[in-house]
């Protein structure tokens, strides 16, 4: 599924890189929902999520900051393919 939490363009994402495809188990999907709702996730167990394309970037300390120009200096990150471990009790 697309992992990009930005609003999708009306014509769709221009490439897989921009869509930031993500694969996740059910517990990790709870983490995505909690992030978008700016809440703490309630997990039954730890989960896994992985992204095989590069990430287009985000603020690594402030949720929902999706533009480099709005990020605090040094907090913007862009990264390549990765695995995320979502612990039950972060």
PDB file of N, CA and C in Angstrom:
ATOM      1  N   UNK A   1       0.848  -1.172   0.000  1.00  0.00           N
ATOM      2  CA  UNK A   1       0.000   0.000   0.000  1.00  0.00           C
ATOM      3  C   UNK A   1       0.890   1.229   0.000  1.00  0.00           C
ATOM      4  N   UNK A   2       0.388   2.380  -0.465  1.00  0.00           N
ATOM      5  CA  UNK A   2       1.184   3.600  -0.387  1.00  0.00           C
ATOM      6  C   UNK A   2       1.453   3.950   1.079  1.00  0.00           C
ATOM      7  N   UNK A   3       2.679   4.269   1.379  1.00  0.00           N
ATOM      8  CA  UNK A   3       3.034   4.638   2.745  1.00  0.00           C
ATOM      9  C   UNK A   3       3.190   6.135   2.923  1.00  0.00           C
ATOM     10  N   UNK A   4       3.021   6.883   1.845  1.00  0.00           N
ATOM     11  CA  UNK A   4       3.159   8.331   1.915  1.00  0.00           C
ATOM     12  C   UNK A   4       1.921   8.905   2.603  1.00  0.00           C
ATOM     13  N   UNK A   5       2.128   9.592   3.719  1.00  0.00           N
ATOM     14  CA  UNK A   5       1.014  10.149   4.485  1.00  0.00           C
ATOM     15  C   UNK A   5       0.585  11.533   4.002  1.00  0.00           C
ATOM     16  N   UNK A   6       1.238  12.025   2.956  1.00  0.00           N
ATOM     17  CA  UNK A   6       0.816  13.288   2.358  1.00  0.00           C
ATOM     18  C   UNK A   6      -0.462  13.054   1.548  1.00  0.00           C
ATOM     19  N   UNK A   7      -1.180  14.117   1.247  1.00  0.00           N
ATOM     20  CA  UNK A   7      -2.382  13.983   0.422  1.00  0.00           C
ATOM     21  C   UNK A   7      -1.983  13.530  -0.973  1.00  0.00           C
ATOM     22  N   UNK A   8      -2.648  12.479  -1.476  1.00  0.00           N
ATOM     23  CA  UNK A   8      -2.308  11.955  -2.793  1.00  0.00           C
ATOM     24  C   UNK A   8      -2.767  12.928  -3.878  1.00  0.00           C
ATOM     25  N   UNK A   9      -1.911  13.201  -4.868  1.00  0.00           N
ATOM     26  CA  UNK A   9      -2.326  14.070  -5.978  1.00  0.00           C
ATOM     27  C   UNK A   9      -3.545  13.478  -6.690  1.00  0.00           C
ATOM     28  N   UNK A  10      -4.359  14.334  -7.257  1.00  0.00           N
ATOM     29  CA  UNK A  10      -5.585  13.900  -7.939  1.00  0.00           C
ATOM     30  C   UNK A  10      -5.299  12.883  -9.040  1.00  0.00           C
ATOM     31  N   UNK A  11      -4.151  13.003  -9.686  1.00  0.00           N
ATOM     32  CA  UNK A  11      -3.786  12.083 -10.765  1.00  0.00           C
ATOM     33  C   UNK A  11      -2.984  10.886 -10.266  1.00  0.00           C
ATOM     34  N   UNK A  12      -2.825  10.745  -8.966  1.00  0.00           N
ATOM     35  CA  UNK A  12      -2.054   9.645  -8.385  1.00  0.00           C
ATOM     36  C   UNK A  12      -0.598  10.024  -8.206  1.00  0.00           C
ATOM     37  N   UNK A  13       0.144   9.156  -7.543  1.00  0.00           N
ATOM     38  CA  UNK A  13       1.567   9.412  -7.320  1.00  0.00           C
ATOM     39  C   UNK A  13       2.311   9.286  -8.649  1.00  0.00           C
ATOM     40  N   UNK A  14       3.262  10.177  -8.927  1.00  0.00           N
ATOM     41  CA  UNK A  14       3.980  10.121 -10.203  1.00  0.00           C
ATOM     42  C   UNK A  14       4.910   8.914 -10.334  1.00  0.00           C
ATOM     43  N   UNK A  15       5.309   8.300  -9.205  1.00  0.00           N
ATOM     44  CA  UNK A  15       6.198   7.136  -9.251  1.00  0.00           C
ATOM     45  C   UNK A  15       6.073   6.349  -7.952  1.00  0.00           C
ATOM     46  N   UNK A  16       6.624   5.136  -7.966  1.00  0.00           N
ATOM     47  CA  UNK A  16       6.637   4.327  -6.742  1.00  0.00           C
ATOM     48  C   UNK A  16       7.424   5.036  -5.646  1.00  0.00           C
ATOM     49  N   UNK A  17       8.477   5.739  -6.024  1.00  0.00           N
ATOM     50  CA  UNK A  17       9.261   6.486  -5.033  1.00  0.00           C
ATOM     51  C   UNK A  17       8.374   7.467  -4.271  1.00  0.00           C
ATOM     52  N   UNK A  18       7.526   8.197  -4.983  1.00  0.00           N
ATOM     53  CA  UNK A  18       6.652   9.178  -4.335  1.00  0.00           C
ATOM     54  C   UNK A  18       5.532   8.518  -3.525  1.00  0.00           C
ATOM     55  N   UNK A  19       5.070   7.350  -3.955  1.00  0.00           N
ATOM     56  CA  UNK A  19       4.030   6.632  -3.211  1.00  0.00           C
ATOM     57  C   UNK A  19       4.597   6.023  -1.938  1.00  0.00           C
ATOM     58  N   UNK A  20       5.887   5.751  -1.920  1.00  0.00           N
ATOM     59  CA  UNK A  20       6.575   5.133  -0.784  1.00  0.00           C
ATOM     60  C   UNK A  20       5.863   3.851  -0.335  1.00  0.00           C
ATOM     61  N   UNK A  21       5.811   2.820  -1.203  1.00  0.00           N
ATOM     62  CA  UNK A  21       5.086   1.609  -0.847  1.00  0.00           C
ATOM     63  C   UNK A  21       5.597   0.984   0.444  1.00  0.00           C
ATOM     64  N   UNK A  22       4.666   0.501   1.236  1.00  0.00           N
ATOM     65  CA  UNK A  22       4.977  -0.117   2.522  1.00  0.00           C
ATOM     66  C   UNK A  22       4.239  -1.445   2.635  1.00  0.00           C
ATOM     67  N   UNK A  23       4.903  -2.410   3.220  1.00  0.00           N
ATOM     68  CA  UNK A  23       4.280  -3.687   3.575  1.00  0.00           C
ATOM     69  C   UNK A  23       4.282  -3.750   5.098  1.00  0.00           C
ATOM     70  N   UNK A  24       3.178  -4.179   5.673  1.00  0.00           N
ATOM     71  CA  UNK A  24       3.073  -4.166   7.131  1.00  0.00           C
ATOM     72  C   UNK A  24       2.131  -5.258   7.612  1.00  0.00           C
ATOM     73  N   UNK A  25       2.384  -5.737   8.838  1.00  0.00           N
ATOM     74  CA  UNK A  25       1.436  -6.663   9.442  1.00  0.00           C
ATOM     75  C   UNK A  25       0.331  -5.851  10.129  1.00  0.00           C
ATOM     76  N   UNK A  26      -0.687  -6.522  10.636  1.00  0.00           N
ATOM     77  CA  UNK A  26      -1.849  -5.828  11.209  1.00  0.00           C
ATOM     78  C   UNK A  26      -1.490  -4.940  12.394  1.00  0.00           C
ATOM     79  N   UNK A  27      -0.568  -5.375  13.232  1.00  0.00           N
ATOM     80  CA  UNK A  27      -0.195  -4.554  14.390  1.00  0.00           C
ATOM     81  C   UNK A  27       0.492  -3.271  13.947  1.00  0.00           C
ATOM     82  N   UNK A  28       1.330  -3.359  12.932  1.00  0.00           N
ATOM     83  CA  UNK A  28       2.010  -2.165  12.425  1.00  0.00           C
ATOM     84  C   UNK A  28       1.025  -1.188  11.794  1.00  0.00           C
ATOM     85  N   UNK A  29      -0.032  -1.703  11.179  1.00  0.00           N
ATOM     86  CA  UNK A  29      -1.052  -0.813  10.618  1.00  0.00           C
ATOM     87  C   UNK A  29      -1.705   0.023  11.721  1.00  0.00           C
ATOM     88  N   UNK A  30      -1.796  -0.535  12.919  1.00  0.00           N
ATOM     89  CA  UNK A  30      -2.308   0.240  14.064  1.00  0.00           C
ATOM     90  C   UNK A  30      -1.383   1.416  14.366  1.00  0.00           C
ATOM     91  N   UNK A  31      -0.082   1.208  14.170  1.00  0.00           N
ATOM     92  CA  UNK A  31       0.884   2.295  14.398  1.00  0.00           C
ATOM     93  C   UNK A  31       0.683   3.415  13.385  1.00  0.00           C
ATOM     94  N   UNK A  32       0.432   3.049  12.130  1.00  0.00           N
ATOM     95  CA  UNK A  32       0.190   4.061  11.102  1.00  0.00           C
ATOM     96  C   UNK A  32      -1.061   4.863  11.447  1.00  0.00           C
ATOM     97  N   UNK A  33      -2.130   4.177  11.827  1.00  0.00           N
ATOM     98  CA  UNK A  33      -3.382   4.855  12.184  1.00  0.00           C
ATOM     99  C   UNK A  33      -3.173   5.785  13.384  1.00  0.00           C
ATOM    100  N   UNK A  34      -2.458   5.317  14.386  1.00  0.00           N
ATOM    101  CA  UNK A  34      -2.203   6.144  15.566  1.00  0.00           C
ATOM    102  C   UNK A  34      -1.364   7.369  15.200  1.00  0.00           C
ATOM    103  N   UNK A  35      -0.365   7.186  14.333  1.00  0.00           N
ATOM    104  CA  UNK A  35       0.478   8.303  13.900  1.00  0.00           C
ATOM    105  C   UNK A  35      -0.363   9.367  13.209  1.00  0.00           C
ATOM    106  N   UNK A  36      -1.229   8.924  12.299  1.00  0.00           N
ATOM    107  CA  UNK A  36      -2.067   9.875  11.563  1.00  0.00           C
ATOM    108  C   UNK A  36      -3.070  10.569  12.471  1.00  0.00           C
ATOM    109  N   UNK A  37      -3.462   9.909  13.557  1.00  0.00           N
ATOM    110  CA  UNK A  37      -4.410  10.487  14.515  1.00  0.00           C
ATOM    111  C   UNK A  37      -3.685  11.226  15.640  1.00  0.00           C
ATOM    112  N   UNK A  38      -2.353  11.196  15.595  1.00  0.00           N
ATOM    113  CA  UNK A  38      -1.510  11.791  16.621  1.00  0.00           C
ATOM    114  C   UNK A  38      -1.857  11.236  18.001  1.00  0.00           C
ATOM    115  N   UNK A  39      -1.983   9.893  18.067  1.00  0.00           N
ATOM    116  CA  UNK A  39      -2.276   9.184  19.305  1.00  0.00           C
ATOM    117  C   UNK A  39      -1.206   8.123  19.539  1.00  0.00           C
ATOM    118  N   UNK A  40      -1.204   7.533  20.718  1.00  0.00           N
ATOM    119  CA  UNK A  40      -0.302   6.432  21.034  1.00  0.00           C
ATOM    120  C   UNK A  40      -0.956   5.131  20.575  1.00  0.00           C
ATOM    121  N   UNK A  41      -0.221   4.269  19.870  1.00  0.00           N
ATOM    122  CA  UNK A  41      -0.829   3.014  19.400  1.00  0.00           C
ATOM    123  C   UNK A  41      -1.062   2.035  20.549  1.00  0.00           C
ATOM    124  N   UNK A  42      -2.114   1.248  20.447  1.00  0.00           N
ATOM    125  CA  UNK A  42      -2.428   0.192  21.419  1.00  0.00           C
ATOM    126  C   UNK A  42      -2.212  -1.137  20.700  1.00  0.00           C
ATOM    127  N   UNK A  43      -1.064  -1.774  20.939  1.00  0.00           N
ATOM    128  CA  UNK A  43      -0.714  -2.997  20.224  1.00  0.00           C
ATOM    129  C   UNK A  43      -0.889  -4.232  21.101  1.00  0.00           C
ATOM    130  N   UNK A  44      -1.268  -5.339  20.473  1.00  0.00           N
ATOM    131  CA  UNK A  44      -1.367  -6.627  21.156  1.00  0.00           C
ATOM    132  C   UNK A  44       0.024  -7.274  21.248  1.00  0.00           C
ATOM    133  N   UNK A  45       0.900  -6.963  20.264  1.00  0.00           N
ATOM    134  CA  UNK A  45       2.258  -7.502  20.191  1.00  0.00           C
ATOM    135  C   UNK A  45       3.074  -6.555  19.325  1.00  0.00           C
ATOM    136  N   UNK A  46       4.359  -6.794  19.234  1.00  0.00           N
ATOM    137  CA  UNK A  46       5.195  -6.008  18.347  1.00  0.00           C
ATOM    138  C   UNK A  46       4.846  -6.293  16.894  1.00  0.00           C
ATOM    139  N   UNK A  47       5.237  -5.412  16.004  1.00  0.00           N
ATOM    140  CA  UNK A  47       4.930  -5.582  14.587  1.00  0.00           C
ATOM    141  C   UNK A  47       6.128  -5.232  13.722  1.00  0.00           C
ATOM    142  N   UNK A  48       5.998  -5.518  12.428  1.00  0.00           N
ATOM    143  CA  UNK A  48       7.054  -5.240  11.448  1.00  0.00           C
ATOM    144  C   UNK A  48       6.464  -4.500  10.260  1.00  0.00           C
ATOM    145  N   UNK A  49       7.263  -3.627   9.702  1.00  0.00           N
ATOM    146  CA  UNK A  49       6.880  -2.866   8.522  1.00  0.00           C
ATOM    147  C   UNK A  49       8.156  -2.705   7.685  1.00  0.00           C
ATOM    148  N   UNK A  50       8.027  -2.727   6.377  1.00  0.00           N
ATOM    149  CA  UNK A  50       9.208  -2.510   5.553  1.00  0.00           C
ATOM    150  C   UNK A  50       8.861  -1.713   4.311  1.00  0.00           C
ATOM    151  N   UNK A  51       9.849  -0.953   3.860  1.00  0.00           N
ATOM    152  CA  UNK A  51       9.710  -0.116   2.674  1.00  0.00           C
ATOM    153  C   UNK A  51      10.896  -0.415   1.760  1.00  0.00           C
ATOM    154  N   UNK A  52      10.609  -0.757   0.501  1.00  0.00           N
ATOM    155  CA  UNK A  52      11.665  -1.139  -0.427  1.00  0.00           C
ATOM    156  C   UNK A  52      12.130   0.005  -1.331  1.00  0.00           C
ATOM    157  N   UNK A  53      11.407   1.124  -1.327  1.00  0.00           N
ATOM    158  CA  UNK A  53      11.823   2.312  -2.084  1.00  0.00           C
ATOM    159  C   UNK A  53      12.334   3.351  -1.101  1.00  0.00           C
ATOM    160  N   UNK A  54      13.090   4.296  -1.623  1.00  0.00           N
ATOM    161  CA  UNK A  54      13.551   5.391  -0.768  1.00  0.00           C
ATOM    162  C   UNK A  54      12.360   6.173  -0.231  1.00  0.00           C
ATOM    163  N   UNK A  55      12.540   6.723   0.926  1.00  0.00           N
ATOM    164  CA  UNK A  55      11.542   7.587   1.562  1.00  0.00           C
ATOM    165  C   UNK A  55      11.760   9.000   1.037  1.00  0.00           C
ATOM    166  N   UNK A  56      10.695   9.768   0.790  1.00  0.00           N
ATOM    167  CA  UNK A  56      10.850  11.116   0.236  1.00  0.00           C
ATOM    168  C   UNK A  56      11.202  12.153   1.288  1.00  0.00           C
ATOM    169  N   UNK A  57      11.155  11.787   2.556  1.00  0.00           N
ATOM    170  CA  UNK A  57      11.588  12.683   3.619  1.00  0.00           C
ATOM    171  C   UNK A  57      10.478  13.100   4.559  1.00  0.00           C
ATOM    172  N   UNK A  58      10.901  13.382   5.806  1.00  0.00           N
ATOM    173  CA  UNK A  58       9.986  13.884   6.830  1.00  0.00           C
ATOM    174  C   UNK A  58      10.805  14.382   8.007  1.00  0.00           C
ATOM    175  N   UNK A  59      10.155  15.104   8.891  1.00  0.00           N
ATOM    176  CA  UNK A  59      10.795  15.556  10.121  1.00  0.00           C
ATOM    177  C   UNK A  59      10.864  14.352  11.054  1.00  0.00           C
ATOM    178  N   UNK A  60      12.017  14.056  11.581  1.00  0.00           N
ATOM    179  CA  UNK A  60      12.198  12.865  12.405  1.00  0.00           C
ATOM    180  C   UNK A  60      11.800  13.078  13.864  1.00  0.00           C
ATOM    181  N   UNK A  61      11.400  14.280  14.244  1.00  0.00           N
ATOM    182  CA  UNK A  61      11.060  14.536  15.649  1.00  0.00           C
ATOM    183  C   UNK A  61       9.650  15.066  15.845  1.00  0.00           C
ATOM    184  N   UNK A  62       9.057  15.653  14.806  1.00  0.00           N
ATOM    185  CA  UNK A  62       7.741  16.260  14.943  1.00  0.00           C
ATOM    186  C   UNK A  62       6.757  15.591  13.991  1.00  0.00           C
ATOM    187  N   UNK A  63       5.739  14.885  14.524  1.00  0.00           N
ATOM    188  CA  UNK A  63       4.769  14.221  13.647  1.00  0.00           C
ATOM    189  C   UNK A  63       4.079  15.196  12.701  1.00  0.00           C
ATOM    190  N   UNK A  64       3.807  14.709  11.496  1.00  0.00           N
ATOM    191  CA  UNK A  64       3.038  15.394  10.467  1.00  0.00           C
ATOM    192  C   UNK A  64       3.741  16.596   9.830  1.00  0.00           C
ATOM    193  N   UNK A  65       5.032  16.807  10.088  1.00  0.00           N
ATOM    194  CA  UNK A  65       5.793  17.837   9.365  1.00  0.00           C
ATOM    195  C   UNK A  65       6.338  17.151   8.118  1.00  0.00           C
ATOM    196  N   UNK A  66       5.759  17.483   6.960  1.00  0.00           N
ATOM    197  CA  UNK A  66       6.071  16.773   5.720  1.00  0.00           C
ATOM    198  C   UNK A  66       6.792  17.621   4.690  1.00  0.00           C
ATOM    199  N   UNK A  67       7.236  18.815   5.073  1.00  0.00           N
ATOM    200  CA  UNK A  67       7.978  19.675   4.159  1.00  0.00           C
ATOM    201  C   UNK A  67       9.287  20.084   4.823  1.00  0.00           C
ATOM    202  N   UNK A  68      10.372  19.943   4.078  1.00  0.00           N
ATOM    203  CA  UNK A  68      11.693  20.270   4.618  1.00  0.00           C
ATOM    204  C   UNK A  68      11.742  21.712   5.119  1.00  0.00           C
ATOM    205  N   UNK A  69      11.070  22.624   4.420  1.00  0.00           N
ATOM    206  CA  UNK A  69      11.092  24.036   4.801  1.00  0.00           C
ATOM    207  C   UNK A  69      10.407  24.291   6.150  1.00  0.00           C
ATOM    208  N   UNK A  70       9.543  23.374   6.600  1.00  0.00           N
ATOM    209  CA  UNK A  70       8.838  23.530   7.878  1.00  0.00           C
ATOM    210  C   UNK A  70       9.495  22.731   9.009  1.00  0.00           C
ATOM    211  N   UNK A  71      10.553  22.015   8.674  1.00  0.00           N
ATOM    212  CA  UNK A  71      11.254  21.181   9.643  1.00  0.00           C
ATOM    213  C   UNK A  71      12.326  21.994  10.364  1.00  0.00           C
ATOM    214  N   UNK A  72      12.541  21.670  11.624  1.00  0.00           N
ATOM    215  CA  UNK A  72      13.617  22.327  12.375  1.00  0.00           C
ATOM    216  C   UNK A  72      14.962  21.903  11.785  1.00  0.00           C
ATOM    217  N   UNK A  73      15.948  22.783  11.849  1.00  0.00           N
ATOM    218  CA  UNK A  73      17.251  22.493  11.275  1.00  0.00           C
ATOM    219  C   UNK A  73      17.813  21.193  11.850  1.00  0.00           C
ATOM    220  N   UNK A  74      18.233  20.303  10.969  1.00  0.00           N
ATOM    221  CA  UNK A  74      18.832  19.045  11.383  1.00  0.00           C
ATOM    222  C   UNK A  74      17.842  17.935  11.679  1.00  0.00           C
ATOM    223  N   UNK A  75      16.539  18.206  11.570  1.00  0.00           N
ATOM    224  CA  UNK A  75      15.533  17.192  11.890  1.00  0.00           C
ATOM    225  C   UNK A  75      14.963  16.505  10.656  1.00  0.00           C
ATOM    226  N   UNK A  76      15.241  17.020   9.452  1.00  0.00           N
ATOM    227  CA  UNK A  76      14.711  16.434   8.225  1.00  0.00           C
ATOM    228  C   UNK A  76      15.545  15.217   7.847  1.00  0.00           C
ATOM    229  N   UNK A  77      14.884  14.091   7.550  1.00  0.00           N
ATOM    230  CA  UNK A  77      15.608  12.889   7.149  1.00  0.00           C
ATOM    231  C   UNK A  77      15.013  12.322   5.858  1.00  0.00           C
ATOM    232  N   UNK A  78      15.865  11.752   5.048  1.00  0.00           N
ATOM    233  CA  UNK A  78      15.481  10.997   3.860  1.00  0.00           C
ATOM    234  C   UNK A  78      16.301   9.721   3.935  1.00  0.00           C
ATOM    235  N   UNK A  79      15.669   8.582   3.694  1.00  0.00           N
ATOM    236  CA  UNK A  79      16.389   7.328   3.841  1.00  0.00           C
ATOM    237  C   UNK A  79      15.976   6.331   2.782  1.00  0.00           C
ATOM    238  N   UNK A  80      16.816   5.312   2.607  1.00  0.00           N
ATOM    239  CA  UNK A  80      16.595   4.289   1.593  1.00  0.00           C
ATOM    240  C   UNK A  80      15.736   3.143   2.097  1.00  0.00           C
ATOM    241  N   UNK A  81      15.785   1.995   1.406  1.00  0.00           N
ATOM    242  CA  UNK A  81      15.000   0.835   1.815  1.00  0.00           C
ATOM    243  C   UNK A  81      15.305   0.483   3.276  1.00  0.00           C
ATOM    244  N   UNK A  82      14.267   0.098   4.027  1.00  0.00           N
ATOM    245  CA  UNK A  82      14.473  -0.170   5.445  1.00  0.00           C
ATOM    246  C   UNK A  82      13.377  -1.058   6.032  1.00  0.00           C
ATOM    247  N   UNK A  83      13.687  -1.638   7.186  1.00  0.00           N
ATOM    248  CA  UNK A  83      12.772  -2.437   7.977  1.00  0.00           C
ATOM    249  C   UNK A  83      12.490  -1.666   9.263  1.00  0.00           C
ATOM    250  N   UNK A  84      11.234  -1.611   9.665  1.00  0.00           N
ATOM    251  CA  UNK A  84      10.876  -0.947  10.918  1.00  0.00           C
ATOM    252  C   UNK A  84      10.300  -1.974  11.878  1.00  0.00           C
ATOM    253  N   UNK A  85      10.754  -1.932  13.101  1.00  0.00           N
ATOM    254  CA  UNK A  85      10.228  -2.795  14.154  1.00  0.00           C
ATOM    255  C   UNK A  85       9.381  -1.910  15.069  1.00  0.00           C
ATOM    256  N   UNK A  86       8.124  -2.292  15.220  1.00  0.00           N
ATOM    257  CA  UNK A  86       7.195  -1.510  16.024  1.00  0.00           C
ATOM    258  C   UNK A  86       6.990  -2.246  17.351  1.00  0.00           C
ATOM    259  N   UNK A  87       7.654  -1.809  18.432  1.00  0.00           N
ATOM    260  CA  UNK A  87       7.528  -2.530  19.697  1.00  0.00           C
ATOM    261  C   UNK A  87       6.145  -2.349  20.328  1.00  0.00           C
ATOM    262  N   UNK A  88       5.715  -3.350  21.077  1.00  0.00           N
ATOM    263  CA  UNK A  88       4.414  -3.288  21.742  1.00  0.00           C
ATOM    264  C   UNK A  88       4.363  -2.094  22.704  1.00  0.00           C
ATOM    265  N   UNK A  89       5.430  -1.914  23.460  1.00  0.00           N
ATOM    266  CA  UNK A  89       5.509  -0.811  24.437  1.00  0.00           C
ATOM    267  C   UNK A  89       6.675   0.079  24.093  1.00  0.00           C
ATOM    268  N   UNK A  90       6.445   1.095  23.219  1.00  0.00           N
ATOM    269  CA  UNK A  90       7.572   1.947  22.793  1.00  0.00           C
ATOM    270  C   UNK A  90       8.153   2.777  23.919  1.00  0.00           C
TER     271      UNK A  90
END
